[in-house]
Amino acid sequence: MPSTADPDQVFRKVAWRLVPFLFLCYAVAYLDRVNVGFAKLQMQDELWFSDVVYGIGAGIFFVGYILFEVPSNVILHKVGARRWIARIMVSWGVVSAAMALANSEWTFYLLRFLLGVAEAGFIPGILLYLTYWFPAHRRGRITALFLTAIPVATIFGGPLSGWIMTSLGGAGGLAGWQWLFVVEAIPAVLLGFVVLRRLDDDVASATWLTDAEKTVVTEAVAEGEQAKPDAHARVRDTLRSGTMWLLGGIYFCVALGIYTISFWLPTIISDSGVDSALTVGLLSALPYLVAVVAMVAVAAHGDRTGERRWHTAVPCAVGGLGLVATAMSLQSTVFALLALTVAAAAISSAQAAFWSLPSALLTGAGAAAGIALVNSVGNVSGAVSTSLVGFLTSLTGSTASSLYLFGAVLVVGGALVLVLSPSRVDDRTGRSTTDA
């Protein structure tokens, strides 16, 4: 018998239950990943780190992250999201706090590597988890709302990081950058224990849904899965798929822009003539205020139209041009900030729109492996961007050359999106008319 529950109300209920909490978890995760960019403003001088050492240390996180990404997501698919995500959060919180113990370039490298190992699987795990609860034509906006944790973490994390380093420096014999790692790691550990009580592994175990509401969710998700007759369902087929590797290459280009801004935004603003760490933190929040609005708007339009390729390709190209404009404006704080705002908004929008593409081509265990594979290949850019920017900055004395290079890579990424067949990635299951 068909369910009498209203689908719009049901999915709104599911969204309010899951998205704010997952958003908070991701904001904490992302802040712990990139707060080394703010710590650099002090620890580089105290520990005598060059830009090359900082770049390698920031990037080596992704070595551990990439190596353990696919195994972690496959384990999550088998043991359930609740326990595995809780394990990830607690372990990365502990390692992130231990970053305060870094006293040489080798301890810096080791701790950054271990942080990558600890966090591996979190983002693809959440993206996989969302496919259990939302059909494709509702998932774009939901994914975008979840991913706004990146700009929001920067909006609040920048000023917070600047305040911690400025206000707590010297307290208890610890430098400001050491307090930064300790204070910002505590929420990850606490939230890890909340995950054990808050998340359900699947729809069937959700006691906060009625039987009728569970039927609405499972039938809608199942209908979307049946609309993907050529989707990869087996891990082996997914890992051998040329399309998956193409998606990984596209995400490499997108993530390159994300990490370039995330890790080097404080340095770019500082180099434009701003001296105060607190002022750098406040100014670094401005580009992401615009990014939050842009990425939700682009994703919502994508859900309404069902079109996915151009919603990813155009922001990629605009983001690349924004990085080029930033490189041309480094001597002016105002113009550099304006260009960074365009770049951050466009690249964030491209990232949110992009994740509708893999889920259109994957199902079952293949989705667990495929999403992790795409994220792993894409996150190679984290190691490349941080290390290469550090090297080129030391070589040329400016971040301009790397911004020109990465801007061009983003444009190429946008072009690669258009190689995908629209019949395979565009939504063919229906349209959502609500915000849920």
Protein backbone atom coordinates (compact mmCIF):
# COMPACT_ATOMS: atom_id res chain seq x y z
CA MET A 1 0.00 0.00 0.00
CA PRO A 2 1.47 3.40 -0.91
CA SER A 3 2.63 5.51 2.02
CA THR A 4 0.40 8.41 3.11
CA ALA A 5 3.35 10.45 4.43
CA ASP A 6 4.15 13.59 2.46
CA PRO A 7 7.60 13.17 0.82
CA ASP A 8 8.53 16.86 1.10
CA GLN A 9 7.81 16.87 4.84
CA VAL A 10 9.62 13.58 5.35
CA PHE A 11 12.80 14.67 3.61
CA ARG A 12 12.68 18.03 5.38
CA LYS A 13 12.56 16.11 8.65
CA VAL A 14 15.49 13.92 7.61
CA ALA A 15 17.48 16.96 6.50
CA TRP A 16 16.98 18.79 9.80
CA ARG A 17 17.97 15.68 11.72
CA LEU A 18 21.16 14.89 9.81
CA VAL A 19 22.56 17.91 7.97
CA PRO A 20 23.20 20.40 10.82
CA PHE A 21 25.01 17.78 12.87
CA LEU A 22 27.08 16.44 9.96
CA PHE A 23 27.80 20.04 8.97
CA LEU A 24 29.18 20.71 12.46
CA CYS A 25 31.36 17.58 12.34
CA TYR A 26 32.80 18.55 8.96
CA ALA A 27 33.45 22.14 10.04
CA VAL A 28 35.49 20.84 12.96
CA ALA A 29 37.30 18.35 10.71
CA TYR A 30 38.19 20.94 8.11
CA LEU A 31 39.38 23.45 10.69
CA ASP A 32 41.71 20.84 12.21
CA ARG A 33 43.02 20.04 8.74
CA VAL A 34 43.86 23.58 7.64
CA ASN A 35 44.54 25.47 10.90
CA VAL A 36 48.20 24.79 10.21
CA GLY A 37 47.87 27.68 7.74
CA PHE A 38 47.30 30.06 10.66
CA ALA A 39 49.78 28.30 12.94
CA LYS A 40 52.38 28.93 10.23
CA LEU A 41 52.29 32.65 10.98
CA GLN A 42 54.03 31.94 14.31
CA MET A 43 55.48 28.44 14.26
CA GLN A 44 57.48 29.10 11.08
CA ASP A 45 59.63 31.66 12.88
CA GLU A 46 59.76 29.84 16.22
CA LEU A 47 60.77 26.49 14.71
CA TRP A 48 62.82 27.97 11.86
CA PHE A 49 60.70 26.38 9.14
CA SER A 50 61.17 27.51 5.55
CA ASP A 51 58.25 27.76 3.13
CA VAL A 52 59.43 24.45 1.65
CA VAL A 53 59.30 22.70 5.06
CA TYR A 54 55.86 24.14 5.75
CA GLY A 55 54.62 23.12 2.30
CA ILE A 56 55.87 19.54 2.69
CA GLY A 57 54.43 19.28 6.19
CA ALA A 58 51.06 20.66 5.14
CA GLY A 59 50.99 18.35 2.13
CA ILE A 60 52.18 15.13 3.77
CA PHE A 61 48.82 15.00 5.52
CA PHE A 62 47.41 13.86 2.19
CA VAL A 63 49.83 10.95 1.87
CA GLY A 64 48.32 9.24 4.91
CA TYR A 65 44.86 10.42 3.92
CA ILE A 66 45.06 8.97 0.40
CA LEU A 67 46.62 5.65 1.42
CA PHE A 68 43.81 4.83 3.86
CA GLU A 69 40.85 6.47 2.08
CA VAL A 70 39.42 3.54 0.10
CA PRO A 71 39.94 0.90 2.84
CA SER A 72 38.33 3.21 5.38
CA ASN A 73 35.20 3.75 3.28
CA VAL A 74 34.81 0.05 2.51
CA ILE A 75 35.03 -0.67 6.26
CA LEU A 76 32.40 2.00 6.93
CA HIS A 77 30.07 0.35 4.41
CA LYS A 78 30.49 -2.97 6.24
CA VAL A 79 30.46 -1.98 9.94
CA GLY A 80 28.16 1.06 9.75
CA ALA A 81 28.64 4.81 9.74
CA ARG A 82 27.96 5.41 13.43
CA ARG A 83 30.90 3.53 14.94
CA TRP A 84 33.34 4.24 12.16
CA ILE A 85 32.76 7.99 11.94
CA ALA A 86 33.00 8.21 15.74
CA ARG A 87 36.35 6.39 15.59
CA ILE A 88 37.61 8.77 12.91
CA MET A 89 36.66 11.89 14.85
CA VAL A 90 38.16 10.84 18.17
CA SER A 91 41.44 9.68 16.63
CA TRP A 92 41.94 12.79 14.51
CA GLY A 93 41.15 15.02 17.51
CA VAL A 94 43.86 13.33 19.56
CA VAL A 95 46.44 13.61 16.77
CA SER A 96 45.49 17.22 16.01
CA ALA A 97 46.07 18.19 19.65
CA ALA A 98 49.43 16.41 19.53
CA MET A 99 50.49 18.85 16.78
CA ALA A 100 51.33 21.19 19.67
CA LEU A 101 54.28 18.87 20.43
CA ALA A 102 55.95 19.46 17.05
CA ASN A 103 59.48 20.69 17.74
CA SER A 104 61.32 19.89 14.51
CA GLU A 105 60.56 19.44 10.86
CA TRP A 106 60.49 15.63 11.27
CA THR A 107 58.00 15.62 14.15
CA PHE A 108 55.95 18.11 12.11
CA TYR A 109 55.98 15.73 9.13
CA LEU A 110 55.13 12.67 11.27
CA LEU A 111 52.18 14.28 13.04
CA ARG A 112 50.74 15.67 9.81
CA PHE A 113 50.98 12.20 8.24
CA LEU A 114 49.23 10.60 11.23
CA LEU A 115 46.51 13.25 11.08
CA GLY A 116 45.85 12.23 7.47
CA VAL A 117 45.64 8.56 8.48
CA ALA A 118 43.23 9.38 11.31
CA GLU A 119 40.89 11.48 9.16
CA ALA A 120 40.91 9.21 6.09
CA GLY A 121 37.44 8.16 5.05
CA PHE A 122 35.50 10.88 6.85
CA ILE A 123 34.39 12.98 3.86
CA PRO A 124 33.68 10.10 1.43
CA GLY A 125 32.03 8.29 4.32
CA ILE A 126 29.60 11.15 4.89
CA LEU A 127 28.97 11.54 1.15
CA LEU A 128 28.21 7.81 0.97
CA TYR A 129 26.00 8.07 4.06
CA LEU A 130 23.90 10.81 2.44
CA THR A 131 23.13 8.48 -0.49
CA TYR A 132 21.36 6.18 2.00
CA TRP A 133 18.93 8.95 2.96
CA PHE A 134 18.33 11.17 -0.09
CA PRO A 135 17.48 10.37 -3.74
CA ALA A 136 19.57 12.02 -6.45
CA HIS A 137 17.17 14.86 -7.24
CA ARG A 138 17.29 16.05 -3.61
CA ARG A 139 20.93 15.31 -2.90
CA GLY A 140 22.56 18.28 -4.65
CA ARG A 141 21.35 20.88 -2.19
CA ILE A 142 21.86 18.57 0.76
CA THR A 143 25.47 17.94 -0.28
CA ALA A 144 26.01 21.66 -0.82
CA LEU A 145 24.62 22.49 2.63
CA PHE A 146 26.95 19.90 4.14
CA LEU A 147 29.94 21.22 2.21
CA THR A 148 29.26 24.81 3.27
CA ALA A 149 31.06 23.65 6.40
CA ILE A 150 34.29 24.48 4.54
CA PRO A 151 33.60 28.20 4.06
CA VAL A 152 31.79 28.49 7.39
CA ALA A 153 34.72 26.85 9.18
CA THR A 154 36.92 29.49 7.61
CA ILE A 155 34.51 32.34 8.40
CA PHE A 156 34.56 31.54 12.10
CA GLY A 157 37.82 29.62 12.24
CA GLY A 158 39.92 32.46 10.85
CA PRO A 159 39.00 35.01 13.52
CA LEU A 160 39.00 32.27 16.19
CA SER A 161 42.46 31.09 15.20
CA GLY A 162 43.76 34.66 15.17
CA TRP A 163 42.23 35.32 18.59
CA ILE A 164 43.67 32.13 20.13
CA MET A 165 47.15 32.85 18.84
CA THR A 166 47.00 36.48 19.96
CA SER A 167 45.31 36.05 23.34
CA LEU A 168 46.57 32.71 24.67
CA GLY A 169 50.17 32.92 23.53
CA GLY A 170 52.48 32.36 26.51
CA ALA A 171 49.76 31.00 28.82
CA GLY A 172 50.91 27.86 30.61
CA GLY A 173 54.24 28.08 28.85
CA LEU A 174 52.72 27.32 25.44
CA ALA A 175 53.04 29.49 22.34
CA GLY A 176 49.94 30.81 20.59
CA TRP A 177 50.26 28.28 17.76
CA GLN A 178 50.41 25.42 20.29
CA TRP A 179 47.22 26.60 21.99
CA LEU A 180 45.64 26.80 18.54
CA PHE A 181 46.10 23.07 17.94
CA VAL A 182 44.98 22.07 21.44
CA VAL A 183 41.85 24.23 21.67
CA GLU A 184 40.59 23.45 18.16
CA ALA A 185 41.07 19.69 18.64
CA ILE A 186 38.77 19.39 21.66
CA PRO A 187 35.45 19.64 19.72
CA ALA A 188 36.44 16.73 17.45
CA VAL A 189 36.88 14.36 20.40
CA LEU A 190 33.66 15.47 22.07
CA LEU A 191 31.64 15.21 18.84
CA GLY A 192 33.02 11.74 18.23
CA PHE A 193 31.18 10.51 21.32
CA VAL A 194 28.04 12.41 20.31
CA VAL A 195 28.10 10.58 16.96
CA LEU A 196 27.64 7.27 18.79
CA ARG A 197 24.33 8.52 20.18
CA ARG A 198 23.16 10.74 17.32
CA LEU A 199 23.72 8.86 14.05
CA ASP A 200 21.83 5.83 12.79
CA ASP A 201 23.52 3.37 10.47
CA ASP A 202 20.56 3.23 8.10
CA VAL A 203 16.94 4.22 7.61
CA ALA A 204 15.61 1.02 9.19
CA SER A 205 17.29 1.80 12.53
CA ALA A 206 16.04 5.41 12.72
CA THR A 207 13.65 5.43 15.68
CA TRP A 208 12.81 9.09 15.01
CA LEU A 209 11.01 8.13 11.76
CA THR A 210 7.62 6.44 11.62
CA ASP A 211 7.17 3.31 9.53
CA ALA A 212 5.37 5.35 6.87
CA GLU A 213 8.21 7.87 6.77
CA LYS A 214 10.80 5.11 6.48
CA THR A 215 8.87 3.71 3.52
CA VAL A 216 8.94 7.10 1.77
CA VAL A 217 12.71 7.36 2.17
CA THR A 218 13.59 3.80 1.18
CA GLU A 219 11.28 3.80 -1.85
CA ALA A 220 12.60 7.14 -3.12
CA VAL A 221 16.23 6.07 -2.71
CA ALA A 222 15.54 2.67 -4.30
CA GLU A 223 13.83 4.33 -7.27
CA GLY A 224 16.91 6.45 -7.84
CA GLU A 225 19.17 3.40 -7.70
CA GLN A 226 17.02 1.54 -10.23
CA ALA A 227 17.37 4.50 -12.61
CA LYS A 228 21.12 3.75 -12.84
CA PRO A 229 21.18 0.53 -14.88
CA ASP A 230 24.83 0.96 -15.89
CA ALA A 231 26.05 1.99 -12.45
CA HIS A 232 29.06 0.25 -10.94
CA ALA A 233 27.99 -1.85 -7.95
CA ARG A 234 31.15 -3.93 -7.38
CA VAL A 235 34.39 -2.59 -5.91
CA ARG A 236 36.51 -4.25 -8.60
CA ASP A 237 34.49 -2.76 -11.46
CA THR A 238 34.61 0.68 -9.87
CA LEU A 239 38.37 0.70 -9.40
CA ARG A 240 38.85 -0.36 -13.04
CA SER A 241 36.47 2.24 -14.47
CA GLY A 242 38.04 4.88 -16.69
CA THR A 243 35.15 7.21 -15.89
CA MET A 244 35.95 7.01 -12.18
CA TRP A 245 39.56 7.95 -12.84
CA LEU A 246 38.38 10.81 -15.06
CA LEU A 247 36.21 12.02 -12.19
CA GLY A 248 39.24 11.73 -9.92
CA GLY A 249 41.20 13.91 -12.34
CA ILE A 250 38.43 16.50 -12.41
CA TYR A 251 38.25 16.58 -8.63
CA PHE A 252 42.03 16.92 -8.51
CA CYS A 253 41.64 20.22 -10.38
CA VAL A 254 38.79 21.41 -8.14
CA ALA A 255 40.49 20.40 -4.89
CA LEU A 256 43.71 22.05 -6.05
CA GLY A 257 41.88 25.38 -5.97
CA ILE A 258 40.19 24.61 -2.64
CA TYR A 259 43.44 23.76 -0.87
CA THR A 260 45.43 26.56 -2.45
CA ILE A 261 43.03 29.08 -0.95
CA SER A 262 42.58 27.23 2.35
CA PHE A 263 46.26 26.78 3.15
CA TRP A 264 47.63 29.98 1.65
CA LEU A 265 44.84 32.54 2.16
CA PRO A 266 46.34 33.82 5.45
CA THR A 267 49.77 34.14 3.82
CA ILE A 268 48.38 35.92 0.74
CA ILE A 269 46.53 38.45 2.92
CA SER A 270 49.57 38.90 5.16
CA ASP A 271 51.87 39.42 2.16
CA SER A 272 49.52 42.11 0.81
CA GLY A 273 50.45 44.30 3.77
CA VAL A 274 48.37 43.13 6.76
CA ASP A 275 50.47 42.51 9.91
CA SER A 276 48.03 41.56 12.70
CA ALA A 277 47.15 37.86 12.99
CA LEU A 278 43.67 38.80 14.22
CA THR A 279 43.13 41.14 11.25
CA VAL A 280 44.32 38.43 8.87
CA GLY A 281 41.79 36.07 10.44
CA LEU A 282 38.92 38.55 10.09
CA LEU A 283 39.74 39.38 6.47
CA SER A 284 40.10 35.70 5.56
CA ALA A 285 36.44 35.19 6.52
CA LEU A 286 35.09 37.60 3.88
CA PRO A 287 35.58 35.46 0.73
CA TYR A 288 33.78 32.56 2.37
CA LEU A 289 30.73 34.59 3.35
CA VAL A 290 30.06 34.96 -0.37
CA ALA A 291 31.03 31.33 -1.01
CA VAL A 292 28.30 30.00 1.31
CA VAL A 293 25.57 31.79 -0.63
CA ALA A 294 27.02 30.92 -4.04
CA MET A 295 27.46 27.20 -3.51
CA VAL A 296 23.93 26.67 -2.13
CA ALA A 297 22.40 28.74 -4.94
CA VAL A 298 24.27 26.84 -7.66
CA ALA A 299 23.40 23.45 -6.14
CA ALA A 300 19.73 24.40 -5.75
CA HIS A 301 19.57 25.44 -9.40
CA GLY A 302 21.20 22.16 -10.38
CA ASP A 303 18.56 20.20 -8.47
CA ARG A 304 15.75 22.17 -10.11
CA THR A 305 17.05 21.66 -13.64
CA GLY A 306 18.64 18.22 -13.20
CA GLU A 307 21.69 19.45 -15.14
CA ARG A 308 25.06 18.65 -13.53
CA ARG A 309 27.93 19.16 -15.99
CA TRP A 310 27.69 22.90 -16.68
CA HIS A 311 26.95 23.58 -13.02
CA THR A 312 30.41 22.17 -12.32
CA ALA A 313 32.34 23.31 -15.40
CA VAL A 314 31.44 27.02 -15.33
CA PRO A 315 32.37 27.57 -11.67
CA CYS A 316 35.66 25.76 -12.33
CA ALA A 317 36.55 28.22 -15.09
CA VAL A 318 35.45 31.26 -13.07
CA GLY A 319 37.45 30.04 -10.07
CA GLY A 320 40.54 29.65 -12.23
CA LEU A 321 40.19 33.20 -13.51
CA GLY A 322 39.75 34.35 -9.92
CA LEU A 323 43.09 32.83 -8.93
CA VAL A 324 44.76 34.52 -11.90
CA ALA A 325 43.22 37.85 -10.88
CA THR A 326 44.51 37.30 -7.34
CA ALA A 327 48.03 36.80 -8.66
CA MET A 328 47.76 40.11 -10.52
CA SER A 329 46.57 41.95 -7.39
CA LEU A 330 48.98 40.81 -4.67
CA GLN A 331 50.23 44.33 -3.99
CA SER A 332 46.78 45.56 -3.05
CA THR A 333 44.89 44.09 -0.09
CA VAL A 334 41.54 45.33 -1.43
CA PHE A 335 41.88 43.98 -4.97
CA ALA A 336 43.51 40.72 -3.81
CA LEU A 337 40.61 40.18 -1.42
CA LEU A 338 38.04 40.87 -4.14
CA ALA A 339 39.71 38.39 -6.49
CA LEU A 340 39.99 35.80 -3.72
CA THR A 341 36.28 36.25 -3.01
CA VAL A 342 35.40 35.43 -6.63
CA ALA A 343 37.76 32.46 -6.61
CA ALA A 344 36.52 31.06 -3.28
CA ALA A 345 32.84 31.41 -4.23
CA ALA A 346 33.29 29.79 -7.65
CA ILE A 347 35.56 26.95 -6.54
CA SER A 348 33.33 26.13 -3.56
CA SER A 349 30.32 26.03 -5.91
CA ALA A 350 32.20 23.72 -8.28
CA GLN A 351 33.05 21.36 -5.43
CA ALA A 352 29.45 21.13 -4.23
CA ALA A 353 28.11 20.58 -7.76
CA PHE A 354 30.82 18.03 -8.56
CA TRP A 355 29.71 15.49 -5.97
CA SER A 356 26.44 14.94 -7.81
CA LEU A 357 28.46 13.33 -10.61
CA PRO A 358 29.99 10.23 -8.90
CA SER A 359 26.74 9.34 -7.11
CA ALA A 360 24.96 9.27 -10.48
CA LEU A 361 27.30 6.50 -11.64
CA LEU A 362 27.66 4.35 -8.52
CA THR A 363 25.62 2.12 -6.27
CA GLY A 364 26.12 -0.36 -3.41
CA ALA A 365 29.67 -1.31 -2.42
CA GLY A 366 30.83 0.28 -5.66
CA ALA A 367 29.65 3.63 -4.30
CA ALA A 368 31.74 3.17 -1.14
CA ALA A 369 34.89 2.41 -3.13
CA GLY A 370 34.18 4.84 -5.98
CA ILE A 371 33.51 7.92 -3.87
CA ALA A 372 36.64 7.15 -1.84
CA LEU A 373 38.68 6.61 -5.01
CA VAL A 374 37.57 9.91 -6.55
CA ASN A 375 38.23 11.73 -3.28
CA SER A 376 41.64 10.07 -2.96
CA VAL A 377 42.78 11.02 -6.46
CA GLY A 378 41.43 14.51 -5.96
CA ASN A 379 43.21 14.94 -2.67
CA VAL A 380 46.57 14.25 -4.25
CA SER A 381 46.18 17.94 -5.06
CA GLY A 382 46.51 18.72 -1.36
CA ALA A 383 50.05 17.39 -1.31
CA VAL A 384 50.84 18.91 -4.70
CA SER A 385 49.44 22.37 -3.98
CA THR A 386 50.98 22.86 -0.56
CA SER A 387 54.40 21.54 -1.56
CA LEU A 388 54.49 23.26 -4.95
CA VAL A 389 53.33 26.62 -3.62
CA GLY A 390 56.01 26.45 -0.94
CA PHE A 391 58.69 25.56 -3.50
CA LEU A 392 57.66 28.22 -6.04
CA THR A 393 57.32 30.85 -3.32
CA SER A 394 60.85 30.13 -2.12
CA LEU A 395 62.12 30.15 -5.71
CA THR A 396 60.38 33.32 -6.91
CA GLY A 397 59.73 35.18 -3.66
CA SER A 398 55.99 35.38 -4.42
CA THR A 399 52.88 33.17 -4.53
CA ALA A 400 51.90 34.69 -7.91
CA SER A 401 53.48 32.00 -10.11
CA SER A 402 51.62 29.16 -8.38
CA LEU A 403 48.33 31.08 -8.55
CA TYR A 404 48.74 31.48 -12.32
CA LEU A 405 49.50 27.76 -12.67
CA PHE A 406 46.62 26.55 -10.52
CA GLY A 407 44.20 28.96 -12.18
CA ALA A 408 45.00 27.32 -15.51
CA VAL A 409 44.54 23.84 -14.00
CA LEU A 410 41.05 24.79 -12.82
CA VAL A 411 40.07 25.88 -16.32
CA VAL A 412 41.30 22.52 -17.64
CA GLY A 413 39.23 20.76 -14.96
CA GLY A 414 36.13 22.58 -16.16
CA ALA A 415 36.80 21.42 -19.71
CA LEU A 416 37.21 17.80 -18.55
CA VAL A 417 33.76 17.87 -16.95
CA LEU A 418 32.23 18.39 -20.39
CA VAL A 419 33.76 15.08 -21.55
CA LEU A 420 31.18 13.26 -19.42
CA SER A 421 28.00 12.16 -21.15
CA PRO A 422 24.98 14.20 -20.00
CA SER A 423 22.75 11.14 -20.37
CA ARG A 424 24.74 9.39 -17.64
CA VAL A 425 25.20 12.15 -15.07
CA ASP A 426 22.12 14.36 -15.38
CA ASP A 427 19.20 13.55 -13.11
CA ARG A 428 16.53 11.41 -14.76
CA THR A 429 14.47 10.49 -11.71
CA GLY A 430 12.49 13.63 -10.99
CA ARG A 431 12.78 17.12 -9.60
CA SER A 432 12.62 18.44 -6.09
CA THR A 433 10.40 21.42 -5.38
CA THR A 434 11.28 22.08 -1.76
CA ASP A 435 14.36 22.98 0.24
CA ALA A 436 14.58 19.61 1.90
